[in-house]
Amino acid sequence: MENKLNQLFGRLEKQRINLLLQLEAYPNTRLNLPTENNKWSVNQIIEHLILAEEISIKSIQAKVLTAKHFESTGLHTAVRKFLLRIFLRSPLKFSAPALVSNPTNTTDFSELKTKWAAVRQQLKELLDWLPAHVLSKCIYKHPVAGKMSIYGGLDFMYEHVRRHRQQIVKVLN
């Protein structure tokens, strides 16, 4: 795996492991409890994060396998990535895309931990497999911010977990 990818993946993994370790202190019934205003439970938030990563992996794999030409990154992708980060760090709320907006509420926390570890292993294998010539090309597509490089995609995944970690803290307090 290319060094920068390895660093970004390591940061993602550290973040995931720390979040899951903190959640192990709670019983599964508490993690499956919906909030008062009928928002997602903690387990639903975790499932949403897993679904988003699974879809991202499949999308990148399909693009790299089928596309003959990849759009180059540049100022426009850097600006979109920057705006996405600002937006994710803001208190503004927005709806999740339909593909990842309906997590179940019956999943056991231990199953989610296992599933997320498996999805992250798939991500690691994808990053190991990616040809060097596509790393700086637009192979990742965010539903709102649009096309960006794999580096931008990994940055988004980090910010996405960061945002939902804040939501988890609110749900548990």
Protein backbone atom coordinates (compact mmCIF):
# COMPACT_ATOMS: atom_id res chain seq x y z
CA MET A 1 0.00 0.00 0.00
CA GLU A 2 1.24 3.46 -0.88
CA ASN A 3 2.55 5.36 2.19
CA LYS A 4 -0.08 8.14 2.25
CA LEU A 5 -2.88 5.58 1.85
CA ASN A 6 -1.37 3.54 4.67
CA GLN A 7 -1.34 6.60 6.95
CA LEU A 8 -4.93 7.53 6.13
CA PHE A 9 -6.10 3.95 6.59
CA GLY A 10 -4.23 3.71 9.90
CA ARG A 11 -5.94 6.88 11.10
CA LEU A 12 -9.33 5.45 10.11
CA GLU A 13 -8.64 2.19 11.92
CA LYS A 14 -7.47 3.91 15.10
CA GLN A 15 -10.65 6.01 15.07
CA ARG A 16 -12.88 2.95 14.56
CA ILE A 17 -11.17 0.91 17.28
CA ASN A 18 -11.33 3.77 19.80
CA LEU A 19 -15.02 4.34 19.13
CA LEU A 20 -15.88 0.66 19.49
CA LEU A 21 -13.84 0.34 22.69
CA GLN A 22 -15.78 3.21 24.23
CA LEU A 23 -19.09 1.64 23.23
CA GLU A 24 -18.23 -1.74 24.77
CA ALA A 25 -18.98 -0.23 28.18
CA TYR A 26 -22.70 -0.07 27.32
CA PRO A 27 -25.17 -2.95 27.22
CA ASN A 28 -26.57 -3.86 23.82
CA THR A 29 -30.07 -2.86 24.94
CA ARG A 30 -28.81 0.71 25.53
CA LEU A 31 -27.05 0.80 22.16
CA ASN A 32 -30.25 -0.32 20.42
CA LEU A 33 -32.47 2.18 22.23
CA PRO A 34 -33.87 4.83 19.86
CA THR A 35 -33.69 8.42 21.04
CA GLU A 36 -36.68 10.29 22.41
CA ASN A 37 -37.30 12.12 19.15
CA ASN A 38 -37.22 8.85 17.19
CA LYS A 39 -33.73 9.40 15.78
CA TRP A 40 -31.24 6.61 15.21
CA SER A 41 -29.97 4.46 18.06
CA VAL A 42 -26.20 4.07 18.52
CA ASN A 43 -26.26 0.70 16.75
CA GLN A 44 -28.17 2.25 13.84
CA ILE A 45 -25.53 4.97 13.58
CA ILE A 46 -22.77 2.33 13.51
CA GLU A 47 -24.69 0.34 10.91
CA HIS A 48 -25.08 3.50 8.80
CA LEU A 49 -21.31 4.04 8.90
CA ILE A 50 -20.72 0.44 7.83
CA LEU A 51 -23.23 0.70 4.97
CA ALA A 52 -21.63 3.92 3.73
CA GLU A 53 -18.19 2.32 3.68
CA GLU A 54 -19.47 -0.84 1.96
CA ILE A 55 -21.11 1.20 -0.79
CA SER A 56 -17.96 3.29 -1.21
CA ILE A 57 -15.80 0.19 -1.60
CA LYS A 58 -18.11 -1.36 -4.20
CA SER A 59 -18.33 1.91 -6.12
CA ILE A 60 -14.55 2.37 -6.26
CA GLN A 61 -13.98 -1.24 -7.30
CA ALA A 62 -16.54 -0.97 -10.10
CA LYS A 63 -15.13 2.33 -11.33
CA VAL A 64 -11.52 1.14 -11.42
CA LEU A 65 -12.50 -2.11 -13.14
CA THR A 66 -14.72 -0.57 -15.82
CA ALA A 67 -13.52 2.97 -16.53
CA LYS A 68 -11.01 3.60 -19.27
CA HIS A 69 -10.46 7.24 -18.38
CA PHE A 70 -10.33 8.90 -14.98
CA GLU A 71 -10.85 12.59 -14.40
CA SER A 72 -7.81 14.26 -12.86
CA THR A 73 -8.06 15.97 -9.52
CA GLY A 74 -7.33 19.66 -9.25
CA LEU A 75 -8.43 22.85 -7.60
CA HIS A 76 -12.12 22.02 -8.09
CA THR A 77 -11.80 18.70 -6.21
CA ALA A 78 -9.70 20.32 -3.46
CA VAL A 79 -12.36 22.99 -2.96
CA ARG A 80 -15.17 20.39 -2.84
CA LYS A 81 -13.20 18.31 -0.32
CA PHE A 82 -12.54 21.40 1.82
CA LEU A 83 -16.22 22.45 1.75
CA LEU A 84 -17.32 18.92 2.63
CA ARG A 85 -15.00 18.91 5.65
CA ILE A 86 -16.33 22.30 6.79
CA PHE A 87 -19.91 21.10 6.34
CA LEU A 88 -19.30 17.86 8.27
CA ARG A 89 -17.74 19.80 11.12
CA SER A 90 -20.61 22.28 11.29
CA PRO A 91 -23.75 21.85 13.40
CA LEU A 92 -25.88 21.80 10.25
CA LYS A 93 -27.99 18.68 9.80
CA PHE A 94 -28.70 16.94 6.53
CA SER A 95 -30.38 13.76 5.39
CA ALA A 96 -28.37 10.67 4.54
CA PRO A 97 -28.63 9.32 0.99
CA ALA A 98 -31.41 6.74 0.58
CA LEU A 99 -28.99 3.79 0.24
CA VAL A 100 -27.65 4.34 3.76
CA SER A 101 -30.55 6.06 5.51
CA ASN A 102 -32.54 3.07 6.77
CA PRO A 103 -30.41 1.00 9.13
CA THR A 104 -32.24 -1.69 11.11
CA ASN A 105 -32.55 -1.55 14.86
CA THR A 106 -32.13 -5.21 15.62
CA THR A 107 -28.41 -5.67 15.18
CA ASP A 108 -26.28 -6.89 18.03
CA PHE A 109 -23.29 -4.69 18.84
CA SER A 110 -20.87 -7.62 18.65
CA GLU A 111 -22.19 -8.41 15.14
CA LEU A 112 -21.64 -4.80 14.12
CA LYS A 113 -18.06 -4.87 15.42
CA THR A 114 -17.38 -8.03 13.41
CA LYS A 115 -19.03 -6.64 10.29
CA TRP A 116 -17.18 -3.32 10.49
CA ALA A 117 -13.86 -5.13 10.91
CA ALA A 118 -14.66 -7.20 7.80
CA VAL A 119 -15.59 -4.09 5.80
CA ARG A 120 -12.38 -2.38 6.89
CA GLN A 121 -10.44 -5.47 5.79
CA GLN A 122 -12.12 -5.15 2.39
CA LEU A 123 -11.11 -1.49 2.31
CA LYS A 124 -7.51 -2.40 3.16
CA GLU A 125 -7.47 -5.01 0.39
CA LEU A 126 -8.88 -2.43 -2.04
CA LEU A 127 -6.21 0.09 -1.09
CA ASP A 128 -3.51 -2.57 -1.50
CA TRP A 129 -4.93 -3.46 -4.93
CA LEU A 130 -5.39 0.03 -6.39
CA PRO A 131 -2.99 0.76 -9.25
CA ALA A 132 -0.68 3.71 -8.61
CA HIS A 133 -1.91 5.59 -11.70
CA VAL A 134 -5.44 5.98 -10.23
CA LEU A 135 -4.48 7.27 -6.77
CA SER A 136 -4.62 10.94 -7.75
CA LYS A 137 -7.59 10.50 -10.09
CA CYS A 138 -11.28 10.98 -9.30
CA ILE A 139 -12.22 7.40 -8.40
CA TYR A 140 -14.36 8.21 -5.35
CA LYS A 141 -17.73 9.89 -5.65
CA HIS A 142 -19.42 11.48 -2.67
CA PRO A 143 -23.21 11.84 -3.11
CA VAL A 144 -23.12 15.58 -2.39
CA ALA A 145 -19.53 16.79 -2.89
CA GLY A 146 -19.00 14.83 -6.08
CA LYS A 147 -15.86 13.27 -7.48
CA MET A 148 -12.55 13.19 -5.64
CA SER A 149 -9.45 11.06 -5.27
CA ILE A 150 -9.16 8.04 -2.98
CA TYR A 151 -7.34 10.34 -0.56
CA GLY A 152 -10.40 12.60 -0.48
CA GLY A 153 -12.61 9.56 -0.03
CA LEU A 154 -10.61 8.38 2.97
CA ASP A 155 -10.68 11.90 4.43
CA PHE A 156 -14.45 11.89 4.03
CA MET A 157 -14.75 8.51 5.79
CA TYR A 158 -12.75 9.90 8.71
CA GLU A 159 -14.86 13.06 8.95
CA HIS A 160 -18.04 11.01 8.58
CA VAL A 161 -17.16 8.84 11.58
CA ARG A 162 -16.07 11.95 13.48
CA ARG A 163 -19.43 13.62 12.88
CA HIS A 164 -21.41 10.56 13.88
CA ARG A 165 -19.24 10.02 16.94
CA GLN A 166 -20.51 13.39 18.16
CA GLN A 167 -24.06 12.20 17.48
CA ILE A 168 -23.38 9.02 19.48
CA VAL A 169 -22.15 11.06 22.44
CA LYS A 170 -25.40 13.05 22.38
CA VAL A 171 -27.52 9.88 22.17
CA LEU A 172 -25.75 8.30 25.15
CA ASN A 173 -25.90 11.41 27.37
